[in-house]
Amino acid sequence: MKETEIVIIDDSFEIEDPLVVELGIKFPDANITVKNNPDDGLKYILANLSKKIVVLLDYNFNTGQPKGHDILLRIRNHTSLVYVIIMTAKQFTTIPNNELVDFVNNNALAIVQNTSDTKEIVSIVDKAIQQLSVRVDCALEQWISKHSEDDQKKPYLLTSDGRELTLRDILKEIRTETSLGQKLERNIIMLAIDLLTRDKKQLGND
């Protein structure tokens, strides 16, 4: 099963579009999906949160449909695992300042022109996939998603001050970069290094 999803949410794209073809050539192990309706695109993303997901999200849709800005905020209500690249035919100077601020605060990886060179967009997607592969919180969220809802809600860790944390609590601490979250993230990395060196494992290529 392909674990990486590249989702294009754009009402002007089709599966045979040159960008889609180029993405398929560059990332043969990824599942590439095109959704012309933003709500359908959002539903697809939320149904696949256990995977690594990179989204190419159009800024403007037909009248009556949510804007790319709204879809990004809805995605962030559920997860920060997904990397979102905003695509627009507009000049950047015409995008409202409050929306640009939201793009930054909600970790939009990039904003690119629809008319940009295909290779440039593919390069940004490649960067996103590489970053997803190495982030501790993303790896942890994928691991947590493989547990049942009941297991995710059970106390998993007892802190030195007596707090009981579930798996989701641990992820939240890391994502919000609290002092405890930073310590947990550091400990996860150190544990992985310790296990790797202690067992003299060889690093794979995947």
N, C-alpha and C. Protein backbone atom coordinates (compact mmCIF):
# COMPACT_ATOMS: atom_id res chain seq x y z
N MET A 1 0.85 -1.19 0.00
CA MET A 1 0.00 0.00 0.00
C MET A 1 0.88 1.24 0.00
N LYS A 2 0.54 2.23 -0.83
CA LYS A 2 1.32 3.46 -0.90
C LYS A 2 1.02 4.34 0.31
N GLU A 3 2.07 4.71 1.05
CA GLU A 3 1.88 5.46 2.29
C GLU A 3 1.92 6.97 2.09
N THR A 4 2.39 7.43 0.94
CA THR A 4 2.44 8.86 0.68
C THR A 4 1.34 9.26 -0.29
N GLU A 5 0.60 10.29 0.08
CA GLU A 5 -0.47 10.81 -0.76
C GLU A 5 -0.10 12.21 -1.23
N ILE A 6 -0.19 12.44 -2.52
CA ILE A 6 -0.09 13.79 -3.06
C ILE A 6 -1.49 14.14 -3.57
N VAL A 7 -2.12 15.10 -2.92
CA VAL A 7 -3.51 15.44 -3.23
C VAL A 7 -3.56 16.83 -3.86
N ILE A 8 -4.09 16.90 -5.05
CA ILE A 8 -4.26 18.18 -5.73
C ILE A 8 -5.74 18.57 -5.64
N ILE A 9 -6.01 19.69 -4.99
CA ILE A 9 -7.38 20.18 -4.87
C ILE A 9 -7.48 21.46 -5.69
N ASP A 10 -8.02 21.32 -6.87
CA ASP A 10 -8.04 22.43 -7.83
C ASP A 10 -9.12 22.14 -8.87
N ASP A 11 -10.02 23.09 -9.08
CA ASP A 11 -11.14 22.83 -10.00
C ASP A 11 -10.75 22.94 -11.47
N SER A 12 -9.49 23.28 -11.74
CA SER A 12 -9.06 23.38 -13.14
C SER A 12 -8.10 22.26 -13.54
N PHE A 13 -7.82 21.34 -12.61
CA PHE A 13 -6.87 20.26 -12.90
C PHE A 13 -7.59 18.98 -13.28
N GLU A 14 -6.93 18.20 -14.14
CA GLU A 14 -7.38 16.85 -14.48
C GLU A 14 -6.20 15.91 -14.28
N ILE A 15 -6.48 14.62 -14.27
CA ILE A 15 -5.45 13.63 -13.98
C ILE A 15 -4.36 13.60 -15.05
N GLU A 16 -4.69 14.08 -16.27
CA GLU A 16 -3.69 14.06 -17.34
C GLU A 16 -2.94 15.40 -17.45
N ASP A 17 -3.17 16.31 -16.51
CA ASP A 17 -2.47 17.59 -16.51
C ASP A 17 -0.95 17.36 -16.44
N PRO A 18 -0.15 18.19 -17.13
CA PRO A 18 1.31 18.01 -17.13
C PRO A 18 1.92 17.94 -15.74
N LEU A 19 1.42 18.74 -14.79
CA LEU A 19 1.97 18.70 -13.44
C LEU A 19 1.71 17.34 -12.79
N VAL A 20 0.51 16.81 -12.99
CA VAL A 20 0.17 15.50 -12.42
C VAL A 20 1.07 14.42 -13.02
N VAL A 21 1.30 14.51 -14.31
CA VAL A 21 2.17 13.53 -14.99
C VAL A 21 3.59 13.62 -14.44
N GLU A 22 4.10 14.84 -14.29
CA GLU A 22 5.46 15.03 -13.77
C GLU A 22 5.58 14.52 -12.34
N LEU A 23 4.57 14.74 -11.52
CA LEU A 23 4.59 14.24 -10.14
C LEU A 23 4.62 12.71 -10.14
N GLY A 24 3.87 12.09 -11.05
CA GLY A 24 3.85 10.64 -11.14
C GLY A 24 5.20 10.07 -11.53
N ILE A 25 5.91 10.78 -12.40
CA ILE A 25 7.25 10.33 -12.81
C ILE A 25 8.25 10.49 -11.67
N LYS A 26 8.18 11.63 -10.98
CA LYS A 26 9.13 11.93 -9.90
C LYS A 26 8.87 11.07 -8.67
N PHE A 27 7.60 10.79 -8.37
CA PHE A 27 7.24 10.05 -7.16
C PHE A 27 6.41 8.82 -7.53
N PRO A 28 7.02 7.80 -8.11
CA PRO A 28 6.27 6.62 -8.55
C PRO A 28 5.66 5.83 -7.40
N ASP A 29 6.19 6.01 -6.19
CA ASP A 29 5.66 5.27 -5.04
C ASP A 29 4.55 6.03 -4.32
N ALA A 30 4.18 7.19 -4.81
CA ALA A 30 3.12 7.98 -4.18
C ALA A 30 1.80 7.78 -4.91
N ASN A 31 0.72 7.92 -4.18
CA ASN A 31 -0.61 7.89 -4.78
C ASN A 31 -1.03 9.33 -5.05
N ILE A 32 -1.27 9.66 -6.30
CA ILE A 32 -1.61 11.03 -6.68
C ILE A 32 -3.10 11.11 -6.98
N THR A 33 -3.77 12.01 -6.29
CA THR A 33 -5.22 12.15 -6.40
C THR A 33 -5.58 13.59 -6.75
N VAL A 34 -6.51 13.76 -7.67
CA VAL A 34 -7.00 15.08 -8.04
C VAL A 34 -8.46 15.21 -7.61
N LYS A 35 -8.74 16.25 -6.84
CA LYS A 35 -10.10 16.54 -6.42
C LYS A 35 -10.47 17.94 -6.90
N ASN A 36 -11.54 18.05 -7.68
CA ASN A 36 -11.95 19.35 -8.21
C ASN A 36 -12.84 20.13 -7.25
N ASN A 37 -13.43 19.42 -6.30
CA ASN A 37 -14.30 20.06 -5.31
C ASN A 37 -13.56 20.16 -3.98
N PRO A 38 -13.45 21.36 -3.39
CA PRO A 38 -12.67 21.51 -2.16
C PRO A 38 -13.19 20.70 -0.99
N ASP A 39 -14.51 20.57 -0.87
CA ASP A 39 -15.06 19.77 0.23
C ASP A 39 -14.72 18.29 0.06
N ASP A 40 -14.78 17.81 -1.18
CA ASP A 40 -14.40 16.42 -1.45
C ASP A 40 -12.92 16.21 -1.14
N GLY A 41 -12.11 17.21 -1.49
CA GLY A 41 -10.69 17.12 -1.19
C GLY A 41 -10.42 17.05 0.29
N LEU A 42 -11.13 17.87 1.06
CA LEU A 42 -10.97 17.85 2.52
C LEU A 42 -11.37 16.50 3.10
N LYS A 43 -12.49 15.96 2.64
CA LYS A 43 -12.94 14.65 3.13
C LYS A 43 -11.89 13.57 2.83
N TYR A 44 -11.31 13.64 1.65
CA TYR A 44 -10.29 12.64 1.27
C TYR A 44 -9.08 12.75 2.19
N ILE A 45 -8.65 13.96 2.47
CA ILE A 45 -7.50 14.16 3.35
C ILE A 45 -7.78 13.60 4.74
N LEU A 46 -8.93 13.93 5.30
CA LEU A 46 -9.26 13.50 6.66
C LEU A 46 -9.42 11.98 6.75
N ALA A 47 -9.74 11.35 5.63
CA ALA A 47 -9.87 9.89 5.62
C ALA A 47 -8.52 9.19 5.49
N ASN A 48 -7.47 9.95 5.25
CA ASN A 48 -6.15 9.35 5.01
C ASN A 48 -5.06 9.94 5.91
N LEU A 49 -5.45 10.37 7.10
CA LEU A 49 -4.48 11.04 7.97
C LEU A 49 -3.39 10.13 8.51
N SER A 50 -3.56 8.83 8.39
CA SER A 50 -2.52 7.92 8.85
C SER A 50 -1.35 7.87 7.87
N LYS A 51 -1.51 8.51 6.72
CA LYS A 51 -0.45 8.51 5.70
C LYS A 51 0.26 9.86 5.69
N LYS A 52 1.41 9.88 5.02
CA LYS A 52 2.08 11.15 4.76
C LYS A 52 1.34 11.83 3.62
N ILE A 53 0.92 13.05 3.84
CA ILE A 53 0.11 13.74 2.83
C ILE A 53 0.71 15.10 2.50
N VAL A 54 0.84 15.36 1.21
CA VAL A 54 1.21 16.68 0.71
C VAL A 54 0.06 17.16 -0.16
N VAL A 55 -0.40 18.37 0.09
CA VAL A 55 -1.56 18.90 -0.63
C VAL A 55 -1.15 20.10 -1.47
N LEU A 56 -1.54 20.07 -2.73
CA LEU A 56 -1.45 21.25 -3.60
C LEU A 56 -2.86 21.84 -3.65
N LEU A 57 -3.03 22.98 -3.01
CA LEU A 57 -4.37 23.52 -2.77
C LEU A 57 -4.57 24.84 -3.52
N ASP A 58 -5.57 24.86 -4.38
CA ASP A 58 -5.89 26.08 -5.12
C ASP A 58 -6.41 27.15 -4.16
N TYR A 59 -6.05 28.39 -4.43
CA TYR A 59 -6.50 29.49 -3.57
C TYR A 59 -7.96 29.84 -3.83
N ASN A 60 -8.36 29.88 -5.09
CA ASN A 60 -9.71 30.30 -5.45
C ASN A 60 -10.49 29.18 -6.13
N PHE A 61 -11.74 29.02 -5.70
CA PHE A 61 -12.64 28.05 -6.34
C PHE A 61 -13.87 28.79 -6.87
N ASN A 62 -14.76 28.05 -7.50
CA ASN A 62 -15.97 28.66 -8.04
C ASN A 62 -16.80 29.32 -6.94
N THR A 63 -17.61 30.28 -7.33
CA THR A 63 -18.47 30.98 -6.38
C THR A 63 -19.34 29.99 -5.59
N GLY A 64 -19.40 30.20 -4.30
CA GLY A 64 -20.20 29.33 -3.44
C GLY A 64 -19.41 28.20 -2.81
N GLN A 65 -18.18 27.99 -3.26
CA GLN A 65 -17.33 26.96 -2.68
C GLN A 65 -16.31 27.59 -1.73
N PRO A 66 -15.85 26.82 -0.74
CA PRO A 66 -14.85 27.35 0.19
C PRO A 66 -13.57 27.75 -0.55
N LYS A 67 -12.91 28.77 -0.05
CA LYS A 67 -11.62 29.17 -0.61
C LYS A 67 -10.53 28.26 -0.05
N GLY A 68 -9.38 28.29 -0.72
CA GLY A 68 -8.26 27.51 -0.23
C GLY A 68 -7.87 27.88 1.19
N HIS A 69 -8.01 29.16 1.52
CA HIS A 69 -7.73 29.63 2.87
C HIS A 69 -8.60 28.91 3.89
N ASP A 70 -9.89 28.75 3.57
CA ASP A 70 -10.82 28.07 4.49
C ASP A 70 -10.47 26.59 4.63
N ILE A 71 -10.11 25.95 3.53
CA ILE A 71 -9.77 24.53 3.57
C ILE A 71 -8.52 24.31 4.40
N LEU A 72 -7.53 25.19 4.28
CA LEU A 72 -6.32 25.07 5.09
C LEU A 72 -6.66 25.13 6.58
N LEU A 73 -7.50 26.08 6.97
CA LEU A 73 -7.87 26.20 8.38
C LEU A 73 -8.61 24.95 8.87
N ARG A 74 -9.45 24.38 8.02
CA ARG A 74 -10.18 23.16 8.40
C ARG A 74 -9.22 21.98 8.55
N ILE A 75 -8.24 21.91 7.68
CA ILE A 75 -7.23 20.85 7.81
C ILE A 75 -6.50 21.00 9.14
N ARG A 76 -6.12 22.23 9.48
CA ARG A 76 -5.37 22.47 10.71
C ARG A 76 -6.21 22.22 11.96
N ASN A 77 -7.53 22.23 11.83
CA ASN A 77 -8.38 21.88 12.97
C ASN A 77 -8.21 20.41 13.35
N HIS A 78 -7.71 19.62 12.42
CA HIS A 78 -7.56 18.18 12.64
C HIS A 78 -6.10 17.74 12.80
N THR A 79 -5.20 18.37 12.09
CA THR A 79 -3.82 17.88 12.11
C THR A 79 -2.85 18.92 11.56
N SER A 80 -1.61 18.84 12.02
CA SER A 80 -0.54 19.64 11.41
C SER A 80 0.39 18.72 10.62
N LEU A 81 0.01 17.44 10.53
CA LEU A 81 0.81 16.46 9.79
C LEU A 81 0.86 16.76 8.30
N VAL A 82 -0.23 17.28 7.77
CA VAL A 82 -0.34 17.50 6.33
C VAL A 82 0.43 18.76 5.93
N TYR A 83 1.25 18.64 4.90
CA TYR A 83 1.94 19.80 4.35
C TYR A 83 1.12 20.36 3.20
N VAL A 84 0.85 21.65 3.25
CA VAL A 84 -0.02 22.28 2.26
C VAL A 84 0.75 23.34 1.47
N ILE A 85 0.65 23.24 0.15
CA ILE A 85 1.25 24.21 -0.76
C ILE A 85 0.09 24.94 -1.44
N ILE A 86 0.02 26.24 -1.27
CA ILE A 86 -1.05 27.03 -1.87
C ILE A 86 -0.67 27.41 -3.29
N MET A 87 -1.58 27.18 -4.22
CA MET A 87 -1.37 27.59 -5.62
C MET A 87 -2.41 28.66 -5.99
N THR A 88 -1.98 29.67 -6.69
CA THR A 88 -2.89 30.74 -7.05
C THR A 88 -2.55 31.34 -8.40
N ALA A 89 -3.60 31.79 -9.09
CA ALA A 89 -3.41 32.52 -10.35
C ALA A 89 -3.32 34.02 -10.08
N LYS A 90 -3.63 34.40 -8.83
CA LYS A 90 -3.61 35.81 -8.45
C LYS A 90 -2.18 36.29 -8.20
N GLN A 91 -2.00 37.59 -8.29
CA GLN A 91 -0.76 38.19 -7.84
C GLN A 91 -0.76 38.15 -6.31
N PHE A 92 0.39 37.86 -5.72
CA PHE A 92 0.45 37.74 -4.26
C PHE A 92 -0.02 39.02 -3.57
N THR A 93 0.20 40.16 -4.21
CA THR A 93 -0.17 41.44 -3.60
C THR A 93 -1.68 41.63 -3.50
N THR A 94 -2.45 40.82 -4.23
CA THR A 94 -3.91 40.95 -4.19
C THR A 94 -4.54 40.04 -3.12
N ILE A 95 -3.75 39.19 -2.51
CA ILE A 95 -4.27 38.31 -1.44
C ILE A 95 -4.36 39.13 -0.16
N PRO A 96 -5.52 39.13 0.52
CA PRO A 96 -5.67 39.91 1.75
C PRO A 96 -4.58 39.59 2.78
N ASN A 97 -4.14 40.62 3.47
CA ASN A 97 -3.04 40.45 4.43
C ASN A 97 -3.38 39.45 5.52
N ASN A 98 -4.65 39.47 6.00
CA ASN A 98 -5.01 38.55 7.08
C ASN A 98 -4.92 37.09 6.62
N GLU A 99 -5.18 36.84 5.34
CA GLU A 99 -5.07 35.47 4.83
C GLU A 99 -3.60 35.07 4.70
N LEU A 100 -2.75 35.99 4.28
CA LEU A 100 -1.32 35.70 4.22
C LEU A 100 -0.78 35.37 5.60
N VAL A 101 -1.24 36.11 6.61
CA VAL A 101 -0.84 35.84 7.99
C VAL A 101 -1.29 34.45 8.41
N ASP A 102 -2.53 34.09 8.04
CA ASP A 102 -3.04 32.76 8.37
C ASP A 102 -2.23 31.67 7.67
N PHE A 103 -1.81 31.91 6.45
CA PHE A 103 -0.99 30.93 5.74
C PHE A 103 0.30 30.67 6.51
N VAL A 104 0.90 31.74 7.04
CA VAL A 104 2.14 31.60 7.80
C VAL A 104 1.87 30.90 9.13
N ASN A 105 0.86 31.37 9.86
CA ASN A 105 0.57 30.82 11.19
C ASN A 105 0.10 29.38 11.15
N ASN A 106 -0.47 28.97 10.02
CA ASN A 106 -0.97 27.60 9.89
C ASN A 106 -0.08 26.74 9.00
N ASN A 107 1.17 27.18 8.89
CA ASN A 107 2.23 26.36 8.28
C ASN A 107 1.95 25.93 6.85
N ALA A 108 1.47 26.86 6.03
CA ALA A 108 1.46 26.58 4.60
C ALA A 108 2.92 26.55 4.16
N LEU A 109 3.33 25.47 3.51
CA LEU A 109 4.75 25.31 3.18
C LEU A 109 5.21 26.34 2.17
N ALA A 110 4.34 26.69 1.22
CA ALA A 110 4.72 27.66 0.19
C ALA A 110 3.46 28.18 -0.49
N ILE A 111 3.61 29.33 -1.14
CA ILE A 111 2.57 29.88 -2.00
C ILE A 111 3.20 30.07 -3.37
N VAL A 112 2.64 29.43 -4.38
CA VAL A 112 3.24 29.48 -5.71
C VAL A 112 2.20 29.89 -6.74
N GLN A 113 2.67 30.45 -7.82
CA GLN A 113 1.79 30.80 -8.93
C GLN A 113 1.43 29.54 -9.72
N ASN A 114 0.17 29.47 -10.15
CA ASN A 114 -0.25 28.34 -11.00
C ASN A 114 0.58 28.25 -12.27
N THR A 115 1.10 29.41 -12.69
CA THR A 115 1.85 29.46 -13.93
C THR A 115 3.34 29.17 -13.73
N SER A 116 3.73 28.85 -12.50
CA SER A 116 5.14 28.55 -12.23
C SER A 116 5.59 27.33 -13.03
N ASP A 117 6.89 27.26 -13.27
CA ASP A 117 7.45 26.12 -13.98
C ASP A 117 7.13 24.83 -13.22
N THR A 118 6.73 23.81 -13.95
CA THR A 118 6.36 22.54 -13.33
C THR A 118 7.48 22.00 -12.45
N LYS A 119 8.71 22.13 -12.89
CA LYS A 119 9.84 21.62 -12.11
C LYS A 119 9.95 22.31 -10.76
N GLU A 120 9.61 23.59 -10.71
CA GLU A 120 9.66 24.33 -9.45
C GLU A 120 8.65 23.77 -8.45
N ILE A 121 7.44 23.50 -8.92
CA ILE A 121 6.41 22.96 -8.04
C ILE A 121 6.77 21.55 -7.59
N VAL A 122 7.27 20.73 -8.50
CA VAL A 122 7.70 19.37 -8.16
C VAL A 122 8.81 19.42 -7.11
N SER A 123 9.71 20.38 -7.22
CA SER A 123 10.80 20.52 -6.26
C SER A 123 10.27 20.85 -4.87
N ILE A 124 9.24 21.69 -4.80
CA ILE A 124 8.64 22.04 -3.51
C ILE A 124 7.95 20.82 -2.90
N VAL A 125 7.26 20.04 -3.73
CA VAL A 125 6.62 18.81 -3.24
C VAL A 125 7.67 17.85 -2.71
N ASP A 126 8.79 17.72 -3.42
CA ASP A 126 9.88 16.85 -2.98
C ASP A 126 10.40 17.29 -1.62
N LYS A 127 10.55 18.58 -1.43
CA LYS A 127 11.00 19.11 -0.14
C LYS A 127 10.02 18.76 0.96
N ALA A 128 8.73 18.88 0.66
CA ALA A 128 7.70 18.57 1.65
C ALA A 128 7.75 17.11 2.07
N ILE A 129 7.89 16.22 1.10
CA ILE A 129 7.93 14.78 1.40
C ILE A 129 9.15 14.45 2.25
N GLN A 130 10.29 15.06 1.94
CA GLN A 130 11.50 14.83 2.72
C GLN A 130 11.32 15.31 4.16
N GLN A 131 10.71 16.47 4.33
CA GLN A 131 10.50 17.00 5.68
C GLN A 131 9.54 16.13 6.48
N LEU A 132 8.50 15.63 5.83
CA LEU A 132 7.55 14.76 6.52
C LEU A 132 8.23 13.48 7.00
N SER A 133 9.22 13.04 6.27
CA SER A 133 9.87 11.77 6.60
C SER A 133 10.72 11.86 7.86
N VAL A 134 11.13 13.06 8.23
CA VAL A 134 12.08 13.17 9.35
C VAL A 134 11.52 13.86 10.58
N ARG A 135 10.31 14.37 10.52
CA ARG A 135 9.76 15.06 11.69
C ARG A 135 9.30 14.05 12.74
N VAL A 136 9.70 14.29 13.98
CA VAL A 136 9.34 13.38 15.08
C VAL A 136 7.83 13.36 15.28
N ASP A 137 7.19 14.53 15.26
CA ASP A 137 5.76 14.57 15.52
C ASP A 137 4.96 13.85 14.45
N CYS A 138 5.44 13.93 13.20
CA CYS A 138 4.74 13.25 12.11
C CYS A 138 4.88 11.74 12.23
N ALA A 139 6.09 11.30 12.55
CA ALA A 139 6.31 9.87 12.75
C ALA A 139 5.47 9.36 13.91
N LEU A 140 5.41 10.16 14.98
CA LEU A 140 4.63 9.77 16.15
C LEU A 140 3.14 9.73 15.83
N GLU A 141 2.65 10.71 15.09
CA GLU A 141 1.23 10.72 14.76
C GLU A 141 0.84 9.53 13.89
N GLN A 142 1.69 9.17 12.96
CA GLN A 142 1.41 8.00 12.14
C GLN A 142 1.38 6.73 12.98
N TRP A 143 2.30 6.64 13.95
CA TRP A 143 2.33 5.48 14.84
C TRP A 143 1.08 5.44 15.70
N ILE A 144 0.67 6.60 16.23
CA ILE A 144 -0.52 6.67 17.07
C ILE A 144 -1.77 6.28 16.28
N SER A 145 -1.85 6.69 15.03
CA SER A 145 -3.03 6.43 14.22
C SER A 145 -3.28 4.94 13.99
N LYS A 146 -2.26 4.13 14.20
CA LYS A 146 -2.39 2.69 14.03
C LYS A 146 -3.00 2.01 15.26
N HIS A 147 -3.16 2.79 16.34
CA HIS A 147 -3.79 2.27 17.56
C HIS A 147 -5.29 2.56 17.51
N SER A 148 -6.05 1.78 18.24
CA SER A 148 -7.50 1.99 18.31
C SER A 148 -7.80 3.29 19.05
N GLU A 149 -9.02 3.81 18.86
CA GLU A 149 -9.42 5.04 19.55
C GLU A 149 -9.34 4.85 21.06
N ASP A 150 -9.72 3.67 21.54
CA ASP A 150 -9.66 3.41 22.98
C ASP A 150 -8.23 3.46 23.49
N ASP A 151 -7.31 2.85 22.75
CA ASP A 151 -5.91 2.86 23.18
C ASP A 151 -5.33 4.27 23.17
N GLN A 152 -5.77 5.08 22.21
CA GLN A 152 -5.27 6.45 22.13
C GLN A 152 -5.71 7.29 23.31
N LYS A 153 -6.82 6.90 23.95
CA LYS A 153 -7.37 7.68 25.06
C LYS A 153 -6.91 7.16 26.42
N LYS A 154 -6.22 6.03 26.44
CA LYS A 154 -5.76 5.46 27.71
C LYS A 154 -4.52 6.20 28.21
N PRO A 155 -4.36 6.32 29.55
CA PRO A 155 -3.12 6.90 30.09
C PRO A 155 -1.92 6.08 29.61
N TYR A 156 -0.92 6.76 29.11
CA TYR A 156 0.24 6.07 28.53
C TYR A 156 1.52 6.42 29.27
N LEU A 157 1.55 7.62 29.85
CA LEU A 157 2.78 8.10 30.49
C LEU A 157 2.43 8.89 31.73
N LEU A 158 3.18 8.67 32.80
CA LEU A 158 3.02 9.42 34.05
C LEU A 158 4.21 10.35 34.21
N THR A 159 3.95 11.65 34.28
CA THR A 159 5.04 12.62 34.41
C THR A 159 5.53 12.70 35.85
N SER A 160 6.64 13.37 36.05
CA SER A 160 7.23 13.48 37.39
C SER A 160 6.34 14.27 38.34
N ASP A 161 5.46 15.13 37.79
CA ASP A 161 4.56 15.90 38.65
C ASP A 161 3.19 15.23 38.78
N GLY A 162 3.08 13.97 38.35
CA GLY A 162 1.87 13.20 38.57
C GLY A 162 0.81 13.29 37.48
N ARG A 163 1.10 13.94 36.38
CA ARG A 163 0.13 14.05 35.28
C ARG A 163 0.11 12.77 34.46
N GLU A 164 -1.10 12.32 34.11
CA GLU A 164 -1.24 11.17 33.23
C GLU A 164 -1.48 11.67 31.81
N LEU A 165 -0.66 11.22 30.89
CA LEU A 165 -0.77 11.66 29.50
C LEU A 165 -1.17 10.50 28.60
N THR A 166 -2.14 10.75 27.73
CA THR A 166 -2.48 9.77 26.70
C THR A 166 -1.52 9.95 25.52
N LEU A 167 -1.62 9.07 24.55
CA LEU A 167 -0.78 9.22 23.36
C LEU A 167 -1.05 10.55 22.66
N ARG A 168 -2.32 10.94 22.61
CA ARG A 168 -2.68 12.21 21.98
C ARG A 168 -2.14 13.39 22.78
N ASP A 169 -2.15 13.27 24.11
CA ASP A 169 -1.60 14.33 24.96
C ASP A 169 -0.11 14.52 24.68
N ILE A 170 0.59 13.40 24.52
CA ILE A 170 2.04 13.46 24.24
C ILE A 170 2.28 14.19 22.93
N LEU A 171 1.49 13.84 21.91
CA LEU A 171 1.63 14.48 20.61
C LEU A 171 1.35 15.98 20.71
N LYS A 172 0.33 16.35 21.48
CA LYS A 172 -0.01 17.77 21.64
C LYS A 172 1.11 18.53 22.33
N GLU A 173 1.71 17.92 23.35
CA GLU A 173 2.82 18.57 24.05
C GLU A 173 3.98 18.84 23.09
N ILE A 174 4.26 17.87 22.23
CA ILE A 174 5.36 18.04 21.27
C ILE A 174 5.01 19.10 20.23
N ARG A 175 3.77 19.05 19.73
CA ARG A 175 3.36 19.99 18.67
C ARG A 175 3.31 21.43 19.17
N THR A 176 2.90 21.63 20.41
CA THR A 176 2.79 22.99 20.95
C THR A 176 4.10 23.47 21.56
N GLU A 177 5.11 22.62 21.51
CA GLU A 177 6.47 22.98 21.93
C GLU A 177 6.53 23.49 23.37
N THR A 178 5.79 22.83 24.26
CA THR A 178 5.91 23.13 25.68
C THR A 178 7.26 22.60 26.16
N SER A 179 7.65 22.99 27.37
CA SER A 179 8.92 22.50 27.90
C SER A 179 8.90 20.98 28.02
N LEU A 180 7.74 20.43 28.42
CA LEU A 180 7.60 18.98 28.49
C LEU A 180 7.67 18.37 27.10
N GLY A 181 6.99 19.00 26.14
CA GLY A 181 7.00 18.49 24.77
C GLY A 181 8.39 18.47 24.17
N GLN A 182 9.16 19.51 24.43
CA GLN A 182 10.54 19.56 23.92
C GLN A 182 11.39 18.46 24.55
N LYS A 183 11.15 18.22 25.85
CA LYS A 183 11.89 17.15 26.53
C LYS A 183 11.50 15.78 25.97
N LEU A 184 10.20 15.58 25.75
CA LEU A 184 9.73 14.31 25.20
C LEU A 184 10.30 14.07 23.80
N GLU A 185 10.30 15.11 22.98
CA GLU A 185 10.84 14.97 21.62
C GLU A 185 12.32 14.61 21.67
N ARG A 186 13.05 15.29 22.54
CA ARG A 186 14.48 15.00 22.68
C ARG A 186 14.70 13.57 23.16
N ASN A 187 13.87 13.14 24.12
CA ASN A 187 14.01 11.78 24.66
C ASN A 187 13.70 10.72 23.60
N ILE A 188 12.70 10.99 22.75
CA ILE A 188 12.36 10.05 21.68
C ILE A 188 13.53 9.89 20.73
N ILE A 189 14.15 11.01 20.37
CA ILE A 189 15.30 10.97 19.46
C ILE A 189 16.46 10.23 20.11
N MET A 190 16.73 10.54 21.38
CA MET A 190 17.85 9.90 22.08
C MET A 190 17.61 8.40 22.24
N LEU A 191 16.35 8.02 22.51
CA LEU A 191 16.02 6.60 22.64
C LEU A 191 16.24 5.87 21.32
N ALA A 192 15.81 6.51 20.23
CA ALA A 192 16.00 5.89 18.91
C ALA A 192 17.48 5.70 18.61
N ILE A 193 18.28 6.71 18.94
CA ILE A 193 19.73 6.61 18.72
C ILE A 193 20.33 5.51 19.58
N ASP A 194 19.89 5.44 20.84
CA ASP A 194 20.41 4.44 21.77
C ASP A 194 20.08 3.03 21.28
N LEU A 195 18.82 2.83 20.87
CA LEU A 195 18.42 1.50 20.38
C LEU A 195 19.18 1.13 19.12
N LEU A 196 19.40 2.10 18.26
CA LEU A 196 20.10 1.86 17.01
C LEU A 196 21.54 1.43 17.27
N THR A 197 22.22 2.16 18.16
CA THR A 197 23.63 1.86 18.42
C THR A 197 23.80 0.63 19.30
N ARG A 198 22.87 0.44 20.22
CA ARG A 198 22.98 -0.71 21.13
C ARG A 198 22.82 -2.02 20.37
N ASP A 199 21.86 -2.04 19.44
CA ASP A 199 21.60 -3.27 18.69
C ASP A 199 22.41 -3.35 17.40
N LYS A 200 23.20 -2.31 17.16
CA LYS A 200 24.07 -2.27 15.97
C LYS A 200 23.27 -2.53 14.69
N LYS A 201 22.13 -1.84 14.61
CA LYS A 201 21.28 -1.99 13.43
C LYS A 201 21.88 -1.22 12.25
N GLN A 202 21.61 -1.69 11.06
CA GLN A 202 22.02 -0.97 9.88
C GLN A 202 20.85 -0.16 9.35
N LEU A 203 21.15 1.06 8.95
CA LEU A 203 20.11 1.91 8.39
C LEU A 203 19.74 1.43 7.00
N GLY A 204 18.42 1.35 6.74
CA GLY A 204 17.97 0.94 5.42
C GLY A 204 17.90 2.13 4.49
N ASN A 205 17.56 1.84 3.26
CA ASN A 205 17.46 2.90 2.26
C ASN A 205 16.04 3.43 2.12
N ASP A 206 15.06 2.81 2.80
CA ASP A 206 13.67 3.26 2.62
C ASP A 206 13.27 4.20 3.73
